[in-house]
C-alpha atoms as a PDB file:
ATOM      1  CA  MET A   1      16.843  -4.776  -6.158  1.00  0.00           C
ATOM      2  CA  SER A   2      14.823  -5.127  -9.305  1.00  0.00           C
ATOM      3  CA  TYR A   3      11.195  -5.570 -10.169  1.00  0.00           C
ATOM      4  CA  GLU A   4      11.859  -7.698 -13.216  1.00  0.00           C
ATOM      5  CA  ILE A   5       9.791 -10.866 -13.250  1.00  0.00           C
ATOM      6  CA  ASP A   6      11.183 -14.258 -14.259  1.00  0.00           C
ATOM      7  CA  ARG A   7       9.190 -15.196 -17.366  1.00  0.00           C
ATOM      8  CA  THR A   8      10.625 -18.689 -17.941  1.00  0.00           C
ATOM      9  CA  ASN A   9       7.211 -20.303 -17.434  1.00  0.00           C
ATOM     10  CA  MET A  10       5.521 -17.519 -19.466  1.00  0.00           C
ATOM     11  CA  GLU A  11       2.694 -17.210 -16.940  1.00  0.00           C
ATOM     12  CA  LYS A  12       2.324 -14.038 -14.957  1.00  0.00           C
ATOM     13  CA  PRO A  13       2.606 -14.583 -11.208  1.00  0.00           C
ATOM     14  CA  LYS A  14      -0.710 -14.443  -9.337  1.00  0.00           C
ATOM     15  CA  ALA A  15      -0.649 -11.484  -6.971  1.00  0.00           C
ATOM     16  CA  LYS A  16      -2.817  -9.300  -4.791  1.00  0.00           C
ATOM     17  CA  VAL A  17      -2.153  -5.662  -4.059  1.00  0.00           C
ATOM     18  CA  PHE A  18      -2.434  -4.243  -0.534  1.00  0.00           C
ATOM     19  CA  ILE A  19      -2.336  -0.440  -0.249  1.00  0.00           C
ATOM     20  CA  ASP A  20      -1.802   1.323   3.065  1.00  0.00           C
ATOM     21  CA  GLY A  21      -3.839   4.423   2.207  1.00  0.00           C
ATOM     22  CA  ALA A  22      -2.495   6.672   4.978  1.00  0.00           C
ATOM     23  CA  ASN A  23       1.094   5.745   4.200  1.00  0.00           C
ATOM     24  CA  MET A  24       0.572   6.433   0.498  1.00  0.00           C
ATOM     25  CA  PHE A  25      -1.155   9.745   1.264  1.00  0.00           C
ATOM     26  CA  TYR A  26       1.903  10.994   3.163  1.00  0.00           C
ATOM     27  CA  THR A  27       4.260   9.463   0.614  1.00  0.00           C
ATOM     28  CA  GLN A  28       2.586  11.459  -2.169  1.00  0.00           C
ATOM     29  CA  LYS A  29       2.820  14.639  -0.083  1.00  0.00           C
ATOM     30  CA  SER A  30       6.530  13.975   0.391  1.00  0.00           C
ATOM     31  CA  LEU A  31       7.043  13.297  -3.317  1.00  0.00           C
ATOM     32  CA  GLY A  32       5.135  16.395  -4.420  1.00  0.00           C
ATOM     33  CA  TRP A  33       3.160  14.515  -7.065  1.00  0.00           C
ATOM     34  CA  THR A  34       0.068  12.306  -7.129  1.00  0.00           C
ATOM     35  CA  ILE A  35      -0.248   8.643  -8.005  1.00  0.00           C
ATOM     36  CA  SER A  36      -2.837   7.569 -10.553  1.00  0.00           C
ATOM     37  CA  TRP A  37      -4.176   4.303  -9.196  1.00  0.00           C
ATOM     38  CA  LYS A  38      -5.548   3.512 -12.643  1.00  0.00           C
ATOM     39  CA  ASN A  39      -2.023   3.793 -14.036  1.00  0.00           C
ATOM     40  CA  VAL A  40      -0.677   1.686 -11.180  1.00  0.00           C
ATOM     41  CA  ILE A  41      -3.077  -1.124 -12.070  1.00  0.00           C
ATOM     42  CA  SER A  42      -2.063  -0.948 -15.750  1.00  0.00           C
ATOM     43  CA  PHE A  43       1.594  -1.024 -14.721  1.00  0.00           C
ATOM     44  CA  LEU A  44       1.075  -4.026 -12.441  1.00  0.00           C
ATOM     45  CA  GLU A  45      -1.113  -5.951 -14.883  1.00  0.00           C
ATOM     46  CA  ASN A  46       1.766  -5.934 -17.376  1.00  0.00           C
ATOM     47  CA  LYS A  47       3.839  -7.919 -14.892  1.00  0.00           C
ATOM     48  CA  PHE A  48       1.335  -9.821 -12.740  1.00  0.00           C
ATOM     49  CA  ASP A  49      -2.006 -11.582 -12.868  1.00  0.00           C
ATOM     50  CA  VAL A  50      -3.572  -9.145 -10.378  1.00  0.00           C
ATOM     51  CA  LEU A  51      -6.394 -10.970  -8.607  1.00  0.00           C
ATOM     52  CA  GLU A  52      -7.474  -8.080  -6.388  1.00  0.00           C
ATOM     53  CA  THR A  53      -6.405  -4.626  -5.253  1.00  0.00           C
ATOM     54  CA  ARG A  54      -7.273  -3.613  -1.689  1.00  0.00           C
ATOM     55  CA  TYR A  55      -7.084  -0.051  -0.393  1.00  0.00           C
ATOM     56  CA  TYR A  56      -7.151   0.450   3.388  1.00  0.00           C
ATOM     57  CA  THR A  57      -8.011   3.863   4.823  1.00  0.00           C
ATOM     58  CA  GLY A  58      -9.554   5.633   7.773  1.00  0.00           C
ATOM     59  CA  LEU A  59     -12.625   7.834   7.503  1.00  0.00           C
ATOM     60  CA  LYS A  60     -13.753  10.882   9.408  1.00  0.00           C
ATOM     61  CA  GLU A  61     -17.487  11.009   9.924  1.00  0.00           C
ATOM     62  CA  ASP A  62     -19.270  12.860   7.100  1.00  0.00           C
ATOM     63  CA  ASP A  63     -16.066  13.155   5.019  1.00  0.00           C
ATOM     64  CA  ASN A  64     -17.710  13.593   1.622  1.00  0.00           C
ATOM     65  CA  LYS A  65     -14.405  14.172  -0.153  1.00  0.00           C
ATOM     66  CA  MET A  66     -13.066  10.801   1.032  1.00  0.00           C
ATOM     67  CA  LEU A  67     -16.366   9.080   0.244  1.00  0.00           C
ATOM     68  CA  LYS A  68     -16.138  10.429  -3.322  1.00  0.00           C
ATOM     69  CA  TYR A  69     -12.552   9.130  -3.547  1.00  0.00           C
ATOM     70  CA  LEU A  70     -13.657   5.695  -2.297  1.00  0.00           C
ATOM     71  CA  ARG A  71     -16.447   5.599  -4.915  1.00  0.00           C
ATOM     72  CA  TYR A  72     -13.790   6.339  -7.560  1.00  0.00           C
ATOM     73  CA  LEU A  73     -11.591   3.502  -6.267  1.00  0.00           C
ATOM     74  CA  ASP A  74     -14.587   1.168  -6.333  1.00  0.00           C
ATOM     75  CA  LYS A  75     -15.352   2.235  -9.901  1.00  0.00           C
ATOM     76  CA  ILE A  76     -11.839   1.294 -11.062  1.00  0.00           C
ATOM     77  CA  GLY A  77     -12.098  -2.102  -9.373  1.00  0.00           C
ATOM     78  CA  PHE A  78     -10.524  -1.647  -5.950  1.00  0.00           C
ATOM     79  CA  SER A  79     -11.828  -3.297  -2.804  1.00  0.00           C
ATOM     80  CA  THR A  80     -11.868  -0.650  -0.099  1.00  0.00           C
ATOM     81  CA  ILE A  81     -11.498  -1.445   3.577  1.00  0.00           C
ATOM     82  CA  THR A  82     -12.351   1.399   5.944  1.00  0.00           C
ATOM     83  CA  LYS A  83     -12.882   2.212   9.580  1.00  0.00           C
ATOM     84  CA  ILE A  84     -13.656   5.400  11.460  1.00  0.00           C
ATOM     85  CA  LEU A  85     -10.605   7.431  12.453  1.00  0.00           C
ATOM     86  CA  LYS A  86      -9.853   7.641  16.182  1.00  0.00           C
ATOM     87  CA  LYS A  87      -9.497  11.107  17.653  1.00  0.00           C
ATOM     88  CA  ILE A  88      -6.430  11.081  19.899  1.00  0.00           C
ATOM     89  CA  LYS A  89      -5.504  13.907  22.245  1.00  0.00           C
ATOM     90  CA  ILE A  90      -1.795  14.709  21.848  1.00  0.00           C
ATOM     91  CA  SER A  91      -1.404  17.794  24.032  1.00  0.00           C
ATOM     92  CA  ASN A  92      -3.245  20.335  26.067  1.00  0.00           C
ATOM     93  CA  THR A  93      -1.885  23.886  26.038  1.00  0.00           C
ATOM     94  CA  GLY A  94      -3.888  26.150  28.270  1.00  0.00           C
ATOM     95  CA  GLU A  95      -7.518  25.934  27.260  1.00  0.00           C
ATOM     96  CA  THR A  96      -6.756  24.435  23.852  1.00  0.00           C
ATOM     97  CA  ALA A  97      -6.535  20.688  23.340  1.00  0.00           C
ATOM     98  CA  HIS A  98      -4.711  19.358  20.290  1.00  0.00           C
ATOM     99  CA  PHE A  99      -5.804  16.171  18.570  1.00  0.00           C
ATOM    100  CA  ILE A 100      -4.707  13.915  15.737  1.00  0.00           C
ATOM    101  CA  PHE A 101      -6.863  11.481  13.806  1.00  0.00           C
ATOM    102  CA  LYS A 102      -5.539   7.973  13.301  1.00  0.00           C
ATOM    103  CA  ALA A 103      -6.630   4.632  11.899  1.00  0.00           C
ATOM    104  CA  ASN A 104      -3.943   1.991  11.802  1.00  0.00           C
ATOM    105  CA  PHE A 105      -4.488  -0.896   9.362  1.00  0.00           C
ATOM    106  CA  ASP A 106      -1.308  -2.908   9.931  1.00  0.00           C
ATOM    107  CA  VAL A 107      -3.200  -5.765  11.596  1.00  0.00           C
ATOM    108  CA  GLU A 108      -5.940  -5.871   8.941  1.00  0.00           C
ATOM    109  CA  ILE A 109      -3.442  -5.831   6.060  1.00  0.00           C
ATOM    110  CA  THR A 110      -1.326  -8.510   7.746  1.00  0.00           C
ATOM    111  CA  ALA A 111      -4.343 -10.731   8.467  1.00  0.00           C
ATOM    112  CA  ASP A 112      -5.640 -10.410   4.900  1.00  0.00           C
ATOM    113  CA  ILE A 113      -2.230 -11.257   3.452  1.00  0.00           C
ATOM    114  CA  LEU A 114      -1.851 -14.301   5.696  1.00  0.00           C
ATOM    115  CA  LEU A 115      -5.348 -15.541   4.809  1.00  0.00           C
ATOM    116  CA  ASP A 116      -4.586 -15.227   1.068  1.00  0.00           C
ATOM    117  CA  LYS A 117      -0.911 -16.234   0.925  1.00  0.00           C
ATOM    118  CA  SER A 118      -1.462 -19.827  -0.208  1.00  0.00           C
ATOM    119  CA  LYS A 119      -3.334 -18.669  -3.339  1.00  0.00           C
ATOM    120  CA  LEU A 120      -0.645 -16.195  -4.399  1.00  0.00           C
ATOM    121  CA  ASP A 121       2.756 -16.259  -6.050  1.00  0.00           C
ATOM    122  CA  GLY A 122       3.424 -12.647  -5.121  1.00  0.00           C
ATOM    123  CA  ILE A 123       2.280 -10.123  -2.577  1.00  0.00           C
ATOM    124  CA  ILE A 124       2.429  -6.437  -3.491  1.00  0.00           C
ATOM    125  CA  ILE A 125       2.443  -3.941  -0.631  1.00  0.00           C
ATOM    126  CA  PHE A 126       2.240  -0.189  -1.119  1.00  0.00           C
ATOM    127  CA  SER A 127       3.750   1.066   2.134  1.00  0.00           C
ATOM    128  CA  GLY A 128       7.093   1.948   3.611  1.00  0.00           C
ATOM    129  CA  ASP A 129       5.994   1.198   7.174  1.00  0.00           C
ATOM    130  CA  SER A 130       8.559  -0.716   9.258  1.00  0.00           C
ATOM    131  CA  ASP A 131       5.692  -2.518  11.011  1.00  0.00           C
ATOM    132  CA  PHE A 132       5.461  -4.776   7.936  1.00  0.00           C
ATOM    133  CA  GLY A 133       9.076  -5.959   8.331  1.00  0.00           C
ATOM    134  CA  TYR A 134       8.261  -9.068  10.361  1.00  0.00           C
ATOM    135  CA  LEU A 135       5.432 -10.048   8.004  1.00  0.00           C
ATOM    136  CA  VAL A 136       7.678  -9.647   4.957  1.00  0.00           C
ATOM    137  CA  LYS A 137      10.414 -11.751   6.585  1.00  0.00           C
ATOM    138  CA  LYS A 138       7.980 -14.566   7.384  1.00  0.00           C
ATOM    139  CA  LEU A 139       6.508 -14.493   3.861  1.00  0.00           C
ATOM    140  CA  LYS A 140       9.985 -14.707   2.369  1.00  0.00           C
ATOM    141  CA  ASP A 141      10.820 -17.597   4.718  1.00  0.00           C
ATOM    142  CA  ILE A 142       7.999 -19.653   3.153  1.00  0.00           C
ATOM    143  CA  GLY A 143       9.093 -18.761  -0.369  1.00  0.00           C
ATOM    144  CA  LYS A 144       6.680 -15.958  -1.222  1.00  0.00           C
ATOM    145  CA  LEU A 145       7.780 -13.073  -3.398  1.00  0.00           C
ATOM    146  CA  VAL A 146       7.042  -9.775  -1.698  1.00  0.00           C
ATOM    147  CA  TYR A 147       7.137  -6.534  -3.669  1.00  0.00           C
ATOM    148  CA  ILE A 148       7.273  -3.308  -1.690  1.00  0.00           C
ATOM    149  CA  PHE A 149       6.291  -0.129  -3.519  1.00  0.00           C
ATOM    150  CA  SER A 150       7.390   2.975  -1.658  1.00  0.00           C
ATOM    151  CA  SER A 151       9.385   6.158  -1.955  1.00  0.00           C
ATOM    152  CA  ARG A 152      13.065   6.504  -1.181  1.00  0.00           C
ATOM    153  CA  ARG A 153      12.003   9.330   1.130  1.00  0.00           C
ATOM    154  CA  THR A 154       9.444   7.378   3.139  1.00  0.00           C
ATOM    155  CA  ILE A 155      10.517   3.720   3.203  1.00  0.00           C
ATOM    156  CA  SER A 156      11.841   2.504   6.536  1.00  0.00           C
ATOM    157  CA  TRP A 157      15.355   1.134   6.523  1.00  0.00           C
ATOM    158  CA  GLU A 158      14.094  -2.127   8.101  1.00  0.00           C
ATOM    159  CA  LEU A 159      11.651  -2.753   5.271  1.00  0.00           C
ATOM    160  CA  LYS A 160      14.222  -1.824   2.643  1.00  0.00           C
ATOM    161  CA  LEU A 161      16.638  -4.420   4.026  1.00  0.00           C
ATOM    162  CA  ILE A 162      14.152  -7.272   4.440  1.00  0.00           C
ATOM    163  CA  ALA A 163      12.000  -7.008   1.274  1.00  0.00           C
ATOM    164  CA  SER A 164      12.787  -9.308  -1.654  1.00  0.00           C
ATOM    165  CA  ASN A 165      11.952  -6.533  -4.105  1.00  0.00           C
ATOM    166  CA  VAL A 166      11.665  -2.797  -3.535  1.00  0.00           C
ATOM    167  CA  ILE A 167      10.231  -0.687  -6.324  1.00  0.00           C
ATOM    168  CA  TYR A 168      10.725   2.996  -5.747  1.00  0.00           C
ATOM    169  CA  LEU A 169       7.844   5.137  -6.905  1.00  0.00           C
ATOM    170  CA  GLU A 170      10.324   7.735  -8.157  1.00  0.00           C
ATOM    171  CA  ASP A 171      11.709   5.145 -10.622  1.00  0.00           C
ATOM    172  CA  ILE A 172       8.304   4.452 -12.161  1.00  0.00           C
ATOM    173  CA  ARG A 173       6.944   7.991 -11.934  1.00  0.00           C
ATOM    174  CA  LYS A 174       6.318   8.304 -15.696  1.00  0.00           C
ATOM    175  CA  GLU A 175       4.160   5.192 -15.651  1.00  0.00           C
ATOM    176  CA  ILE A 176       2.114   5.928 -12.521  1.00  0.00           C
ATOM    177  CA  GLN A 177       1.854   9.689 -12.077  1.00  0.00           C
ATOM    178  CA  ARG A 178      -1.548  11.303 -12.387  1.00  0.00           C
ATOM    179  CA  ASP A 179      -1.713  13.861 -15.197  1.00  0.00           C
END
Protein backbone atom coordinates (compact mmCIF):
# COMPACT_ATOMS: atom_id res chain seq x y z
CA MET A 1 0.00 0.00 0.00
CA SER A 2 1.29 3.42 -0.88
CA TYR A 3 0.63 6.94 0.24
CA GLU A 4 1.26 8.47 -3.15
CA ILE A 5 -1.51 10.82 -4.21
CA ASP A 6 -2.94 10.91 -7.74
CA ARG A 7 -2.09 14.40 -9.00
CA THR A 8 -3.86 14.25 -12.38
CA ASN A 9 -6.20 17.10 -11.42
CA MET A 10 -3.30 19.01 -9.77
CA GLU A 11 -5.43 19.90 -6.75
CA LYS A 12 -4.54 18.49 -3.38
CA PRO A 13 -7.30 16.36 -1.88
CA LYS A 14 -9.24 18.04 0.93
CA ALA A 15 -8.64 16.12 4.14
CA LYS A 16 -9.04 16.28 7.89
CA VAL A 17 -6.74 14.60 10.36
CA PHE A 18 -8.09 12.65 13.35
CA ILE A 19 -5.52 11.64 15.98
CA ASP A 20 -6.28 9.07 18.66
CA GLY A 21 -4.01 10.57 21.32
CA ALA A 22 -3.86 7.52 23.61
CA ASN A 23 -3.13 5.19 20.72
CA MET A 24 -0.36 7.47 19.46
CA PHE A 25 1.09 7.80 22.98
CA TYR A 26 1.51 4.02 23.25
CA THR A 27 2.66 3.77 19.64
CA GLN A 28 5.49 6.23 20.34
CA LYS A 29 6.47 4.27 23.46
CA SER A 30 6.61 1.11 21.35
CA LEU A 31 8.66 2.83 18.65
CA GLY A 32 11.13 4.35 21.11
CA TRP A 33 11.01 7.77 19.46
CA THR A 34 8.70 10.78 19.55
CA ILE A 35 6.56 12.26 16.80
CA SER A 36 6.80 15.96 16.06
CA TRP A 37 3.24 16.99 15.30
CA LYS A 38 4.58 20.13 13.64
CA ASN A 39 6.56 17.94 11.25
CA VAL A 40 3.53 15.73 10.68
CA ILE A 41 1.50 18.74 9.57
CA SER A 42 4.27 19.85 7.19
CA PHE A 43 4.46 16.32 5.80
CA LEU A 44 0.69 16.13 5.29
CA GLU A 45 0.36 19.63 3.83
CA ASN A 46 2.71 18.60 1.01
CA LYS A 47 0.19 15.98 -0.05
CA PHE A 48 -3.20 17.26 1.13
CA ASP A 49 -5.21 20.42 1.62
CA VAL A 50 -5.48 19.87 5.39
CA LEU A 51 -8.64 21.59 6.58
CA GLU A 52 -8.29 20.70 10.26
CA THR A 53 -6.28 18.51 12.62
CA ARG A 54 -8.09 17.10 15.65
CA TYR A 55 -6.33 15.53 18.62
CA TYR A 56 -8.45 13.45 21.02
CA THR A 57 -7.15 12.69 24.51
CA GLY A 58 -8.19 12.01 28.07
CA LEU A 59 -7.20 14.22 30.98
CA LYS A 60 -6.54 13.50 34.62
CA GLU A 61 -7.71 16.25 36.91
CA ASP A 62 -4.99 18.85 37.56
CA ASP A 63 -2.63 17.29 34.98
CA ASN A 64 -0.51 20.37 34.30
CA LYS A 65 1.88 18.50 32.03
CA MET A 66 -0.97 17.45 29.72
CA LEU A 67 -2.52 20.93 29.86
CA LYS A 68 0.83 22.38 28.73
CA TYR A 69 0.94 19.83 25.88
CA LEU A 70 -2.61 20.76 24.84
CA ARG A 71 -1.68 24.47 24.81
CA TYR A 72 1.24 23.57 22.51
CA LEU A 73 -1.09 21.65 20.18
CA ASP A 74 -3.47 24.61 20.13
CA LYS A 75 -0.57 26.94 19.33
CA ILE A 76 0.39 24.88 16.26
CA GLY A 77 -3.21 24.87 15.04
CA PHE A 78 -4.72 21.65 16.36
CA SER A 79 -8.28 21.37 17.62
CA THR A 80 -8.15 19.41 20.86
CA ILE A 81 -11.02 17.29 22.11
CA THR A 82 -10.73 16.14 25.71
CA LYS A 83 -12.65 14.45 28.48
CA ILE A 84 -11.78 13.43 32.02
CA LEU A 85 -10.21 9.99 32.32
CA LYS A 86 -12.30 7.32 34.07
CA LYS A 87 -10.68 5.54 36.99
CA ILE A 88 -11.40 1.83 36.59
CA LYS A 89 -10.67 -0.77 39.25
CA ILE A 90 -8.91 -3.75 37.66
CA SER A 91 -8.02 -5.87 40.68
CA ASN A 92 -7.98 -5.97 44.42
CA THR A 93 -5.08 -7.79 46.07
CA GLY A 94 -5.41 -7.81 49.81
CA GLU A 95 -5.81 -4.25 51.00
CA THR A 96 -4.48 -2.74 47.78
CA ALA A 97 -6.78 -1.89 44.90
CA HIS A 98 -5.29 -1.47 41.43
CA PHE A 99 -6.73 1.00 38.95
CA ILE A 100 -6.23 2.08 35.36
CA PHE A 101 -7.25 5.37 33.81
CA LYS A 102 -9.11 5.27 30.52
CA ALA A 103 -10.86 7.60 28.10
CA ASN A 104 -12.02 5.99 24.90
CA PHE A 105 -12.64 8.33 21.95
CA ASP A 106 -13.66 5.83 19.27
CA VAL A 107 -17.27 7.07 19.23
CA GLU A 108 -16.30 10.76 19.16
CA ILE A 109 -13.77 10.25 16.35
CA THR A 110 -16.26 8.16 14.37
CA ALA A 111 -19.07 10.69 14.83
CA ASP A 112 -16.85 13.61 13.81
CA ILE A 113 -15.66 11.76 10.70
CA LEU A 114 -19.21 10.87 9.68
CA LEU A 115 -20.39 14.46 10.19
CA ASP A 116 -17.54 15.78 8.00
CA LYS A 117 -17.26 13.05 5.35
CA SER A 118 -19.23 14.84 2.63
CA LYS A 119 -16.83 17.82 2.69
CA LEU A 120 -13.70 15.69 2.38
CA ASP A 121 -11.82 13.80 -0.31
CA GLY A 122 -9.67 12.03 2.25
CA ILE A 123 -9.80 11.08 5.89
CA ILE A 124 -6.52 10.70 7.78
CA ILE A 125 -6.59 8.65 10.97
CA PHE A 126 -3.63 8.31 13.32
CA SER A 127 -4.47 5.08 15.12
CA GLY A 128 -3.97 1.37 14.77
CA ASP A 129 -7.10 0.50 16.75
CA SER A 130 -9.19 -2.33 15.26
CA ASP A 131 -12.34 -0.56 16.48
CA PHE A 132 -12.01 1.74 13.45
CA GLY A 133 -12.22 -1.19 11.00
CA TYR A 134 -15.97 -0.98 10.44
CA LEU A 135 -15.85 2.80 9.98
CA VAL A 136 -13.01 2.52 7.45
CA LYS A 137 -14.90 -0.17 5.51
CA LYS A 138 -18.05 1.97 5.32
CA LEU A 139 -16.07 5.05 4.24
CA LYS A 140 -14.38 3.05 1.50
CA ASP A 141 -17.78 1.69 0.40
CA ILE A 142 -18.93 5.26 -0.35
CA GLY A 143 -15.73 6.07 -2.21
CA LYS A 144 -13.77 7.94 0.45
CA LEU A 145 -10.01 7.62 0.64
CA VAL A 146 -8.93 6.64 4.13
CA TYR A 147 -5.30 6.96 5.18
CA ILE A 148 -4.24 5.13 8.33
CA PHE A 149 -1.02 6.28 9.97
CA SER A 150 0.27 3.75 12.47
CA SER A 151 3.24 1.63 13.40
CA ARG A 152 3.91 -1.87 12.15
CA ARG A 153 4.16 -2.82 15.82
CA THR A 154 0.82 -1.41 16.92
CA ILE A 155 -1.58 -1.58 13.96
CA SER A 156 -4.29 -4.21 14.25
CA TRP A 157 -4.39 -6.80 11.51
CA GLU A 158 -8.07 -5.95 10.84
CA LEU A 159 -7.28 -2.30 10.16
CA LYS A 160 -4.27 -3.18 8.04
CA LEU A 161 -6.42 -5.38 5.80
CA ILE A 162 -9.36 -2.99 5.41
CA ALA A 163 -7.65 0.42 5.00
CA SER A 164 -7.19 1.82 1.49
CA ASN A 165 -3.82 3.26 2.46
CA VAL A 166 -1.58 2.43 5.41
CA ILE A 167 1.39 4.67 6.06
CA TYR A 168 3.78 3.21 8.57
CA LEU A 169 5.35 5.75 10.87
CA GLU A 170 8.64 3.87 10.64
CA ASP A 171 8.74 4.59 6.88
CA ILE A 172 8.39 8.34 7.35
CA ARG A 173 10.44 8.61 10.54
CA LYS A 174 12.96 11.08 9.05
CA GLU A 175 10.16 13.46 8.12
CA ILE A 176 8.14 13.30 11.35
CA GLN A 177 10.48 12.51 14.23
CA ARG A 178 10.99 15.14 16.90
CA ASP A 179 14.62 16.26 17.18
